[in-house]
Amino acid sequence: MELLLKQNVEHLGRIGDVVTVKIGYARNYLLPQGLAVAVTKANMAQIERARAQALAEEQARVASLKELAAKIGEASVTIEGRANEEGHLFGSVNAAQIAGALRAKGLPIEDKQIRLEQPLKEIGVFDIVVHLHQTVDATVKVWVVQAKPA
């Protein structure tokens, strides 16, 4: 079934794309959620206007995300953890802890934007990628240090 997308749908397409999907996906998800409409000339014209507006909004959003990426690149965070003498942590530092430390510094970062291959399990300095947008990534320096004994 061919449909015209009214909104960006992850792993399917962007506003204004004509996509071919299975009937069940269209009937049960795309059409009831208002994400797509049938392909007609009137709908095409309406979607083209919406696409132009969405493109302008997206460009403004990317510009603001690039500014945020510059701020993130200048920032560094310190996370304390208990470790043994060799520097191996009792536990690990995960994306949620890094995002929380960045939010504490006033940077609006969500947990899922932090790209970790695996949790950090040792004391040290790590360069962590923060994925803000398809075209915008930033790198933040994360210092994992020994927690002071209580």
Protein backbone atom coordinates (compact mmCIF):
# COMPACT_ATOMS: atom_id res chain seq x y z
CA MET A 1 0.00 0.00 0.00
CA GLU A 2 1.40 3.42 -0.94
CA LEU A 3 1.08 6.24 1.56
CA LEU A 4 2.29 9.82 1.85
CA LEU A 5 4.02 10.57 5.17
CA LYS A 6 2.71 13.55 7.13
CA GLN A 7 5.47 13.30 9.76
CA ASN A 8 8.94 11.81 10.02
CA VAL A 9 8.71 8.13 10.91
CA GLU A 10 11.90 6.52 12.15
CA HIS A 11 13.21 3.71 9.91
CA LEU A 12 10.55 4.51 7.29
CA GLY A 13 10.89 8.02 5.87
CA ARG A 14 10.58 11.77 6.21
CA ILE A 15 7.73 14.22 5.68
CA GLY A 16 6.46 14.11 2.09
CA ASP A 17 7.99 10.75 1.19
CA VAL A 18 5.80 8.28 -0.66
CA VAL A 19 6.39 4.91 0.99
CA THR A 20 5.15 1.42 0.30
CA VAL A 21 4.12 -0.45 3.45
CA LYS A 22 2.11 -3.52 4.31
CA ILE A 23 -1.63 -2.98 4.65
CA GLY A 24 -1.71 -3.98 8.33
CA TYR A 25 1.03 -1.49 9.25
CA ALA A 26 -0.85 1.25 7.40
CA ARG A 27 -4.29 0.39 8.79
CA ASN A 28 -3.23 -0.32 12.36
CA TYR A 29 -0.50 2.25 12.97
CA LEU A 30 0.26 4.90 10.34
CA LEU A 31 -3.28 5.98 9.47
CA PRO A 32 -4.82 5.95 13.02
CA GLN A 33 -1.83 7.86 14.43
CA GLY A 34 -2.14 10.49 11.69
CA LEU A 35 1.39 9.81 10.46
CA ALA A 36 0.39 9.19 6.84
CA VAL A 37 -2.40 9.80 4.31
CA ALA A 38 -3.40 8.38 0.96
CA VAL A 39 -1.46 9.63 -2.07
CA THR A 40 -3.60 12.27 -3.84
CA LYS A 41 -2.77 15.56 -5.58
CA ALA A 42 -4.42 17.62 -2.82
CA ASN A 43 -2.52 15.75 -0.10
CA MET A 44 0.74 16.11 -2.06
CA ALA A 45 0.33 19.90 -2.24
CA GLN A 46 -0.52 20.16 1.46
CA ILE A 47 2.42 17.95 2.46
CA GLU A 48 4.83 19.96 0.28
CA ARG A 49 3.88 23.11 2.20
CA ALA A 50 4.34 21.23 5.49
CA ARG A 51 7.66 19.85 4.26
CA ALA A 52 8.99 23.34 3.47
CA GLN A 53 8.00 24.56 6.93
CA ALA A 54 9.47 21.47 8.60
CA LEU A 55 12.71 21.92 6.68
CA ALA A 56 13.06 25.49 7.93
CA GLU A 57 12.34 24.37 11.51
CA GLU A 58 14.84 21.52 11.19
CA GLN A 59 17.57 23.88 9.98
CA ALA A 60 16.96 26.17 12.97
CA ARG A 61 17.01 23.17 15.31
CA VAL A 62 20.29 21.88 13.84
CA ALA A 63 21.85 25.33 14.27
CA SER A 64 20.89 25.40 17.95
CA LEU A 65 22.16 21.83 18.40
CA LYS A 66 25.50 22.82 16.89
CA GLU A 67 25.77 25.57 19.52
CA LEU A 68 24.95 23.00 22.20
CA ALA A 69 27.59 20.66 20.73
CA ALA A 70 30.19 23.42 21.06
CA LYS A 71 29.26 23.88 24.74
CA ILE A 72 29.43 20.12 25.33
CA GLY A 73 32.84 19.97 23.64
CA GLU A 74 34.17 22.56 26.09
CA ALA A 75 32.69 20.77 29.12
CA SER A 76 34.09 17.92 31.12
CA VAL A 77 32.47 15.95 33.91
CA THR A 78 33.89 14.11 36.89
CA ILE A 79 32.24 10.98 38.23
CA GLU A 80 33.40 9.39 41.44
CA GLY A 81 33.36 5.67 42.03
CA ARG A 82 34.84 3.20 44.48
CA ALA A 83 37.75 1.24 43.02
CA ASN A 84 40.45 -1.21 44.08
CA GLU A 85 44.18 -0.50 44.03
CA GLU A 86 44.51 -1.45 40.34
CA GLY A 87 41.87 1.12 39.35
CA HIS A 88 39.02 -1.30 38.59
CA LEU A 89 35.67 0.09 39.72
CA PHE A 90 33.34 -1.84 42.02
CA GLY A 91 30.49 -1.45 39.55
CA SER A 92 30.59 0.77 36.49
CA VAL A 93 29.80 4.20 35.10
CA ASN A 94 26.92 4.10 32.63
CA ALA A 95 25.23 6.51 30.21
CA ALA A 96 22.63 7.59 32.78
CA GLN A 97 25.32 8.76 35.20
CA ILE A 98 27.15 10.69 32.48
CA ALA A 99 23.92 12.31 31.26
CA GLY A 100 23.01 13.20 34.87
CA ALA A 101 26.40 14.85 35.38
CA LEU A 102 25.93 16.86 32.17
CA ARG A 103 22.42 17.90 33.22
CA ALA A 104 23.86 19.06 36.55
CA LYS A 105 26.11 21.38 34.54
CA GLY A 106 23.06 22.82 32.79
CA LEU A 107 23.33 20.89 29.51
CA PRO A 108 20.00 19.31 28.44
CA ILE A 109 21.17 15.79 27.58
CA GLU A 110 19.10 12.60 27.68
CA ASP A 111 20.49 9.19 28.62
CA LYS A 112 19.92 7.75 25.14
CA GLN A 113 22.06 10.47 23.54
CA ILE A 114 25.21 9.18 25.27
CA ARG A 115 27.00 6.67 23.05
CA LEU A 116 28.91 4.13 25.15
CA GLU A 117 30.15 0.89 23.62
CA GLN A 118 30.17 -0.58 27.11
CA PRO A 119 30.01 0.82 30.65
CA LEU A 120 33.22 2.37 31.99
CA LYS A 121 34.77 -0.01 34.52
CA GLU A 122 38.10 1.64 35.26
CA ILE A 123 39.43 4.90 36.63
CA GLY A 124 40.68 7.21 33.92
CA VAL A 125 39.81 9.89 31.38
CA PHE A 126 37.47 8.94 28.54
CA ASP A 127 36.21 10.80 25.46
CA ILE A 128 32.51 9.99 25.16
CA VAL A 129 30.38 10.76 22.09
CA VAL A 130 27.07 12.59 22.62
CA HIS A 131 24.75 12.07 19.64
CA LEU A 132 22.47 15.12 19.34
CA HIS A 133 21.18 14.71 15.77
CA GLN A 134 21.90 12.70 12.62
CA THR A 135 24.45 15.30 11.60
CA VAL A 136 25.52 16.65 15.00
CA ASP A 137 27.76 14.78 17.44
CA ALA A 138 29.82 16.18 20.29
CA THR A 139 32.58 14.71 22.43
CA VAL A 140 32.72 15.23 26.17
CA LYS A 141 35.64 14.39 28.42
CA VAL A 142 34.61 12.16 31.34
CA TRP A 143 36.94 11.84 34.31
CA VAL A 144 36.30 8.73 36.40
CA VAL A 145 38.05 9.17 39.74
CA GLN A 146 38.39 7.29 43.03
CA ALA A 147 35.70 8.25 45.53
CA LYS A 148 37.03 9.74 48.75
CA PRO A 149 36.59 7.41 51.74
CA ALA A 150 33.82 8.44 54.11
